[in-house]
Every structure is written in C-alpha cells, then in structure tokens.
C-alpha cells in the first residue's frame, strides 16, 4: 500500500496472467454452467482492467458536455 492507504493497481503482466488463468477455467467448464458464467465474468472484468491501463482517460470539454451526446 502507498502512504494514502490505497493499493497500487495490478500490472499489465499480472492482469495477463490472471486473464490466461480465467480463460482456462472458462474453457474447462461446461457451457452454460455456473462455473462457466463465473469464469466468463472474470475474463470480462480483467479485460476491462487491461483496457483501463492501456487507454487514456476521455476528457469531456464544457462545449461537448453542453452540446450533448453525438454533437461535439
């Protein structure tokens, strides 16, 4: 933990290891089973975490916010 008490986010390498393990669990589970659903959800969560590390945050300008969706 850092000085503020918050945990450091996992590294991309760590997330990739978790992703491979979750994919293996999903592939080993019977399609439609609870184990498959849990593993598929874990794969999705990990993929989102990886994307958040790789993608820069979206900045919304005041003009774009006032224009509304699709009108920037």
PDB file of N, CA and C in Angstrom:
ATOM      1  N   UNK A   1       0.830  -1.183   0.000  1.00  0.00           N
ATOM      2  CA  UNK A   1       0.000   0.000   0.000  1.00  0.00           C
ATOM      3  C   UNK A   1       0.873   1.244   0.000  1.00  0.00           C
ATOM      4  N   UNK A   2       0.343   2.321  -0.542  1.00  0.00           N
ATOM      5  CA  UNK A   2       1.092   3.564  -0.527  1.00  0.00           C
ATOM      6  C   UNK A   2       0.748   4.361   0.717  1.00  0.00           C
ATOM      7  N   UNK A   3       1.281   5.573   0.826  1.00  0.00           N
ATOM      8  CA  UNK A   3       1.087   6.370   2.033  1.00  0.00           C
ATOM      9  C   UNK A   3      -0.378   6.683   2.304  1.00  0.00           C
ATOM     10  N   UNK A   4      -1.180   6.843   1.287  1.00  0.00           N
ATOM     11  CA  UNK A   4      -2.592   7.176   1.468  1.00  0.00           C
ATOM     12  C   UNK A   4      -3.419   5.945   1.832  1.00  0.00           C
ATOM     13  N   UNK A   5      -2.816   4.764   1.818  1.00  0.00           N
ATOM     14  CA  UNK A   5      -3.527   3.539   2.175  1.00  0.00           C
ATOM     15  C   UNK A   5      -4.182   2.848   0.996  1.00  0.00           C
ATOM     16  N   UNK A   6      -4.047   3.392  -0.204  1.00  0.00           N
ATOM     17  CA  UNK A   6      -4.641   2.788  -1.391  1.00  0.00           C
ATOM     18  C   UNK A   6      -3.673   1.762  -1.986  1.00  0.00           C
ATOM     19  N   UNK A   7      -4.233   0.701  -2.530  1.00  0.00           N
ATOM     20  CA  UNK A   7      -3.406  -0.312  -3.168  1.00  0.00           C
ATOM     21  C   UNK A   7      -3.017   0.149  -4.562  1.00  0.00           C
ATOM     22  N   UNK A   8      -1.838  -0.282  -5.006  1.00  0.00           N
ATOM     23  CA  UNK A   8      -1.392   0.003  -6.362  1.00  0.00           C
ATOM     24  C   UNK A   8      -2.204  -0.869  -7.328  1.00  0.00           C
ATOM     25  N   UNK A   9      -2.547  -0.342  -8.502  1.00  0.00           N
ATOM     26  CA  UNK A   9      -3.266  -1.176  -9.466  1.00  0.00           C
ATOM     27  C   UNK A   9      -2.358  -2.306  -9.950  1.00  0.00           C
ATOM     28  N   UNK A  10      -2.945  -3.431 -10.334  1.00  0.00           N
ATOM     29  CA  UNK A  10      -2.115  -4.534 -10.826  1.00  0.00           C
ATOM     30  C   UNK A  10      -1.414  -4.146 -12.122  1.00  0.00           C
ATOM     31  N   UNK A  11      -0.269  -4.761 -12.363  1.00  0.00           N
ATOM     32  CA  UNK A  11       0.471  -4.500 -13.602  1.00  0.00           C
ATOM     33  C   UNK A  11      -0.217  -5.204 -14.759  1.00  0.00           C
ATOM     34  N   UNK A  12       0.120  -4.778 -15.966  1.00  0.00           N
ATOM     35  CA  UNK A  12      -0.443  -5.424 -17.153  1.00  0.00           C
ATOM     36  C   UNK A  12      -0.031  -6.889 -17.198  1.00  0.00           C
ATOM     37  N   UNK A  13       1.216  -7.175 -16.834  1.00  0.00           N
ATOM     38  CA  UNK A  13       1.696  -8.560 -16.841  1.00  0.00           C
ATOM     39  C   UNK A  13       0.886  -9.421 -15.872  1.00  0.00           C
ATOM     40  N   UNK A  14       0.610  -8.884 -14.698  1.00  0.00           N
ATOM     41  CA  UNK A  14      -0.193  -9.607 -13.715  1.00  0.00           C
ATOM     42  C   UNK A  14      -1.606  -9.843 -14.238  1.00  0.00           C
ATOM     43  N   UNK A  15      -2.179  -8.825 -14.856  1.00  0.00           N
ATOM     44  CA  UNK A  15      -3.528  -8.966 -15.409  1.00  0.00           C
ATOM     45  C   UNK A  15      -3.557  -9.997 -16.531  1.00  0.00           C
ATOM     46  N   UNK A  16      -2.505 -10.039 -17.348  1.00  0.00           N
ATOM     47  CA  UNK A  16      -2.456 -11.018 -18.432  1.00  0.00           C
ATOM     48  C   UNK A  16      -2.378 -12.442 -17.875  1.00  0.00           C
ATOM     49  N   UNK A  17      -1.639 -12.620 -16.776  1.00  0.00           N
ATOM     50  CA  UNK A  17      -1.574 -13.944 -16.129  1.00  0.00           C
ATOM     51  C   UNK A  17      -2.949 -14.336 -15.597  1.00  0.00           C
ATOM     52  N   UNK A  18      -3.623 -13.395 -14.948  1.00  0.00           N
ATOM     53  CA  UNK A  18      -4.966 -13.656 -14.423  1.00  0.00           C
ATOM     54  C   UNK A  18      -5.926 -13.970 -15.564  1.00  0.00           C
ATOM     55  N   UNK A  19      -5.782 -13.254 -16.671  1.00  0.00           N
ATOM     56  CA  UNK A  19      -6.648 -13.454 -17.833  1.00  0.00           C
ATOM     57  C   UNK A  19      -6.470 -14.866 -18.394  1.00  0.00           C
ATOM     58  N   UNK A  20      -5.227 -15.306 -18.523  1.00  0.00           N
ATOM     59  CA  UNK A  20      -4.968 -16.653 -19.039  1.00  0.00           C
ATOM     60  C   UNK A  20      -5.565 -17.714 -18.123  1.00  0.00           C
ATOM     61  N   UNK A  21      -5.435 -17.520 -16.816  1.00  0.00           N
ATOM     62  CA  UNK A  21      -5.987 -18.488 -15.860  1.00  0.00           C
ATOM     63  C   UNK A  21      -7.515 -18.502 -15.922  1.00  0.00           C
ATOM     64  N   UNK A  22      -8.131 -17.332 -16.019  1.00  0.00           N
ATOM     65  CA  UNK A  22      -9.599 -17.256 -16.088  1.00  0.00           C
ATOM     66  C   UNK A  22     -10.112 -17.869 -17.387  1.00  0.00           C
ATOM     67  N   UNK A  23      -9.403 -17.619 -18.489  1.00  0.00           N
ATOM     68  CA  UNK A  23      -9.797 -18.223 -19.761  1.00  0.00           C
ATOM     69  C   UNK A  23      -9.702 -19.742 -19.689  1.00  0.00           C
ATOM     70  N   UNK A  24      -8.663 -20.256 -19.042  1.00  0.00           N
ATOM     71  CA  UNK A  24      -8.510 -21.711 -18.909  1.00  0.00           C
ATOM     72  C   UNK A  24      -9.665 -22.295 -18.091  1.00  0.00           C
ATOM     73  N   UNK A  25     -10.048 -21.592 -17.015  1.00  0.00           N
ATOM     74  CA  UNK A  25     -11.189 -22.069 -16.210  1.00  0.00           C
ATOM     75  C   UNK A  25     -12.472 -22.049 -17.031  1.00  0.00           C
ATOM     76  N   UNK A  26     -12.651 -20.997 -17.820  1.00  0.00           N
ATOM     77  CA  UNK A  26     -13.853 -20.904 -18.660  1.00  0.00           C
ATOM     78  C   UNK A  26     -13.875 -22.029 -19.687  1.00  0.00           C
ATOM     79  N   UNK A  27     -12.738 -22.292 -20.319  1.00  0.00           N
ATOM     80  CA  UNK A  27     -12.680 -23.336 -21.341  1.00  0.00           C
ATOM     81  C   UNK A  27     -12.881 -24.731 -20.752  1.00  0.00           C
ATOM     82  N   UNK A  28     -12.499 -24.916 -19.481  1.00  0.00           N
ATOM     83  CA  UNK A  28     -12.644 -26.225 -18.839  1.00  0.00           C
ATOM     84  C   UNK A  28     -14.063 -26.458 -18.334  1.00  0.00           C
ATOM     85  N   UNK A  29     -14.828 -25.388 -18.173  1.00  0.00           N
ATOM     86  CA  UNK A  29     -16.185 -25.510 -17.618  1.00  0.00           C
ATOM     87  C   UNK A  29     -17.174 -25.899 -18.708  1.00  0.00           C
ATOM     88  N   UNK A  30     -18.237 -26.547 -18.285  1.00  0.00           N
ATOM     89  CA  UNK A  30     -19.311 -26.890 -19.215  1.00  0.00           C
ATOM     90  C   UNK A  30     -20.053 -25.628 -19.632  1.00  0.00           C
ATOM     91  N   UNK A  31     -20.321 -25.518 -20.925  1.00  0.00           N
ATOM     92  CA  UNK A  31     -21.035 -24.369 -21.451  1.00  0.00           C
ATOM     93  C   UNK A  31     -22.385 -24.232 -20.740  1.00  0.00           C
ATOM     94  N   UNK A  32     -22.676 -23.035 -20.260  1.00  0.00           N
ATOM     95  CA  UNK A  32     -23.945 -22.784 -19.587  1.00  0.00           C
ATOM     96  C   UNK A  32     -23.931 -23.066 -18.092  1.00  0.00           C
ATOM     97  N   UNK A  33     -22.829 -23.611 -17.582  1.00  0.00           N
ATOM     98  CA  UNK A  33     -22.757 -23.922 -16.153  1.00  0.00           C
ATOM     99  C   UNK A  33     -22.432 -22.666 -15.350  1.00  0.00           C
ATOM    100  N   UNK A  34     -22.637 -22.757 -14.045  1.00  0.00           N
ATOM    101  CA  UNK A  34     -22.303 -21.652 -13.147  1.00  0.00           C
ATOM    102  C   UNK A  34     -20.807 -21.359 -13.198  1.00  0.00           C
ATOM    103  N   UNK A  35     -19.984 -22.393 -13.265  1.00  0.00           N
ATOM    104  CA  UNK A  35     -18.539 -22.203 -13.338  1.00  0.00           C
ATOM    105  C   UNK A  35     -18.157 -21.453 -14.611  1.00  0.00           C
ATOM    106  N   UNK A  36     -18.833 -21.767 -15.717  1.00  0.00           N
ATOM    107  CA  UNK A  36     -18.569 -21.063 -16.977  1.00  0.00           C
ATOM    108  C   UNK A  36     -18.941 -19.589 -16.842  1.00  0.00           C
ATOM    109  N   UNK A  37     -20.105 -19.309 -16.265  1.00  0.00           N
ATOM    110  CA  UNK A  37     -20.571 -17.932 -16.110  1.00  0.00           C
ATOM    111  C   UNK A  37     -19.611 -17.126 -15.244  1.00  0.00           C
ATOM    112  N   UNK A  38     -19.188 -17.708 -14.122  1.00  0.00           N
ATOM    113  CA  UNK A  38     -18.266 -17.012 -13.215  1.00  0.00           C
ATOM    114  C   UNK A  38     -16.940 -16.721 -13.919  1.00  0.00           C
ATOM    115  N   UNK A  39     -16.414 -17.704 -14.620  1.00  0.00           N
ATOM    116  CA  UNK A  39     -15.141 -17.515 -15.317  1.00  0.00           C
ATOM    117  C   UNK A  39     -15.279 -16.489 -16.444  1.00  0.00           C
ATOM    118  N   UNK A  40     -16.394 -16.523 -17.171  1.00  0.00           N
ATOM    119  CA  UNK A  40     -16.613 -15.560 -18.258  1.00  0.00           C
ATOM    120  C   UNK A  40     -16.697 -14.139 -17.710  1.00  0.00           C
ATOM    121  N   UNK A  41     -17.363 -13.970 -16.567  1.00  0.00           N
ATOM    122  CA  UNK A  41     -17.443 -12.649 -15.949  1.00  0.00           C
ATOM    123  C   UNK A  41     -16.068 -12.175 -15.490  1.00  0.00           C
ATOM    124  N   UNK A  42     -15.263 -13.099 -14.969  1.00  0.00           N
ATOM    125  CA  UNK A  42     -13.912 -12.738 -14.549  1.00  0.00           C
ATOM    126  C   UNK A  42     -13.063 -12.317 -15.743  1.00  0.00           C
ATOM    127  N   UNK A  43     -13.175 -13.042 -16.855  1.00  0.00           N
ATOM    128  CA  UNK A  43     -12.453 -12.678 -18.067  1.00  0.00           C
ATOM    129  C   UNK A  43     -12.835 -11.257 -18.480  1.00  0.00           C
ATOM    130  N   UNK A  44     -14.115 -10.950 -18.456  1.00  0.00           N
ATOM    131  CA  UNK A  44     -14.579  -9.616 -18.847  1.00  0.00           C
ATOM    132  C   UNK A  44     -14.032  -8.535 -17.914  1.00  0.00           C
ATOM    133  N   UNK A  45     -14.065  -8.774 -16.603  1.00  0.00           N
ATOM    134  CA  UNK A  45     -13.539  -7.795 -15.640  1.00  0.00           C
ATOM    135  C   UNK A  45     -12.057  -7.537 -15.872  1.00  0.00           C
ATOM    136  N   UNK A  46     -11.319  -8.602 -16.132  1.00  0.00           N
ATOM    137  CA  UNK A  46      -9.878  -8.457 -16.361  1.00  0.00           C
ATOM    138  C   UNK A  46      -9.624  -7.695 -17.665  1.00  0.00           C
ATOM    139  N   UNK A  47     -10.395  -7.983 -18.704  1.00  0.00           N
ATOM    140  CA  UNK A  47     -10.227  -7.276 -19.972  1.00  0.00           C
ATOM    141  C   UNK A  47     -10.508  -5.783 -19.817  1.00  0.00           C
ATOM    142  N   UNK A  48     -11.481  -5.441 -19.001  1.00  0.00           N
ATOM    143  CA  UNK A  48     -11.773  -4.031 -18.731  1.00  0.00           C
ATOM    144  C   UNK A  48     -10.606  -3.394 -17.986  1.00  0.00           C
ATOM    145  N   UNK A  49     -10.053  -4.092 -17.005  1.00  0.00           N
ATOM    146  CA  UNK A  49      -8.914  -3.564 -16.247  1.00  0.00           C
ATOM    147  C   UNK A  49      -7.712  -3.339 -17.158  1.00  0.00           C
ATOM    148  N   UNK A  50      -7.475  -4.251 -18.094  1.00  0.00           N
ATOM    149  CA  UNK A  50      -6.375  -4.097 -19.045  1.00  0.00           C
ATOM    150  C   UNK A  50      -6.630  -2.877 -19.933  1.00  0.00           C
ATOM    151  N   UNK A  51      -7.845  -2.739 -20.420  1.00  0.00           N
ATOM    152  CA  UNK A  51      -8.175  -1.599 -21.280  1.00  0.00           C
ATOM    153  C   UNK A  51      -8.000  -0.282 -20.537  1.00  0.00           C
ATOM    154  N   UNK A  52      -8.369  -0.243 -19.270  1.00  0.00           N
ATOM    155  CA  UNK A  52      -8.210   0.984 -18.490  1.00  0.00           C
ATOM    156  C   UNK A  52      -6.743   1.359 -18.329  1.00  0.00           C
ATOM    157  N   UNK A  53      -5.870   0.358 -18.254  1.00  0.00           N
ATOM    158  CA  UNK A  53      -4.432   0.643 -18.188  1.00  0.00           C
ATOM    159  C   UNK A  53      -3.894   1.160 -19.512  1.00  0.00           C
ATOM    160  N   UNK A  54      -4.442   0.651 -20.615  1.00  0.00           N
ATOM    161  CA  UNK A  54      -3.906   0.955 -21.938  1.00  0.00           C
ATOM    162  C   UNK A  54      -4.508   2.199 -22.579  1.00  0.00           C
ATOM    163  N   UNK A  55      -5.744   2.508 -22.267  1.00  0.00           N
ATOM    164  CA  UNK A  55      -6.432   3.625 -22.900  1.00  0.00           C
ATOM    165  C   UNK A  55      -6.324   4.877 -22.048  1.00  0.00           C
ATOM    166  N   UNK A  56      -6.034   6.009 -22.676  1.00  0.00           N
ATOM    167  CA  UNK A  56      -6.018   7.254 -21.908  1.00  0.00           C
ATOM    168  C   UNK A  56      -7.449   7.616 -21.492  1.00  0.00           C
ATOM    169  N   UNK A  57      -7.602   8.309 -20.369  1.00  0.00           N
ATOM    170  CA  UNK A  57      -8.947   8.696 -19.956  1.00  0.00           C
ATOM    171  C   UNK A  57      -9.560   9.686 -20.952  1.00  0.00           C
ATOM    172  N   UNK A  58     -10.852   9.632 -21.098  1.00  0.00           N
ATOM    173  CA  UNK A  58     -11.558  10.536 -22.001  1.00  0.00           C
ATOM    174  C   UNK A  58     -11.802  11.845 -21.271  1.00  0.00           C
ATOM    175  N   UNK A  59     -11.435  12.934 -21.922  1.00  0.00           N
ATOM    176  CA  UNK A  59     -11.684  14.249 -21.347  1.00  0.00           C
ATOM    177  C   UNK A  59     -12.900  14.848 -22.028  1.00  0.00           C
ATOM    178  N   UNK A  60     -13.849  15.307 -21.230  1.00  0.00           N
ATOM    179  CA  UNK A  60     -15.054  15.934 -21.763  1.00  0.00           C
ATOM    180  C   UNK A  60     -14.915  17.434 -21.574  1.00  0.00           C
ATOM    181  N   UNK A  61     -14.951  18.152 -22.682  1.00  0.00           N
ATOM    182  CA  UNK A  61     -14.855  19.597 -22.599  1.00  0.00           C
ATOM    183  C   UNK A  61     -16.219  20.175 -22.269  1.00  0.00           C
ATOM    184  N   UNK A  62     -16.243  21.396 -21.798  1.00  0.00           N
ATOM    185  CA  UNK A  62     -17.501  22.057 -21.458  1.00  0.00           C
ATOM    186  C   UNK A  62     -18.394  22.172 -22.687  1.00  0.00           C
ATOM    187  N   UNK A  63     -17.804  22.487 -23.832  1.00  0.00           N
ATOM    188  CA  UNK A  63     -18.593  22.628 -25.067  1.00  0.00           C
ATOM    189  C   UNK A  63     -19.232  21.302 -25.461  1.00  0.00           C
ATOM    190  N   UNK A  64     -18.475  20.212 -25.343  1.00  0.00           N
ATOM    191  CA  UNK A  64     -19.020  18.904 -25.701  1.00  0.00           C
ATOM    192  C   UNK A  64     -20.117  18.486 -24.725  1.00  0.00           C
ATOM    193  N   UNK A  65     -19.940  18.794 -23.451  1.00  0.00           N
ATOM    194  CA  UNK A  65     -20.953  18.447 -22.453  1.00  0.00           C
ATOM    195  C   UNK A  65     -22.243  19.218 -22.702  1.00  0.00           C
ATOM    196  N   UNK A  66     -22.141  20.481 -23.081  1.00  0.00           N
ATOM    197  CA  UNK A  66     -23.324  21.301 -23.343  1.00  0.00           C
ATOM    198  C   UNK A  66     -24.032  20.872 -24.621  1.00  0.00           C
ATOM    199  N   UNK A  67     -23.255  20.410 -25.626  1.00  0.00           N
ATOM    200  CA  UNK A  67     -23.826  20.004 -26.908  1.00  0.00           C
ATOM    201  C   UNK A  67     -24.634  18.721 -26.776  1.00  0.00           C
ATOM    202  N   UNK A  68     -24.252  17.859 -25.852  1.00  0.00           N
ATOM    203  CA  UNK A  68     -24.950  16.593 -25.663  1.00  0.00           C
ATOM    204  C   UNK A  68     -24.320  15.489 -26.477  1.00  0.00           C
ATOM    205  N   UNK A  69     -24.824  14.266 -26.327  1.00  0.00           N
ATOM    206  CA  UNK A  69     -24.252  13.108 -26.990  1.00  0.00           C
ATOM    207  C   UNK A  69     -24.271  13.237 -28.513  1.00  0.00           C
ATOM    208  N   UNK A  70     -23.149  12.923 -29.136  1.00  0.00           N
ATOM    209  CA  UNK A  70     -23.050  12.903 -30.587  1.00  0.00           C
ATOM    210  C   UNK A  70     -23.037  14.260 -31.260  1.00  0.00           C
ATOM    211  N   UNK A  71     -22.903  15.341 -30.494  1.00  0.00           N
ATOM    212  CA  UNK A  71     -22.976  16.675 -31.100  1.00  0.00           C
ATOM    213  C   UNK A  71     -21.757  17.526 -30.797  1.00  0.00           C
ATOM    214  N   UNK A  72     -20.608  16.918 -30.579  1.00  0.00           N
ATOM    215  CA  UNK A  72     -19.414  17.709 -30.215  1.00  0.00           C
ATOM    216  C   UNK A  72     -18.765  18.372 -31.386  1.00  0.00           C
TER     217      UNK A  72
END
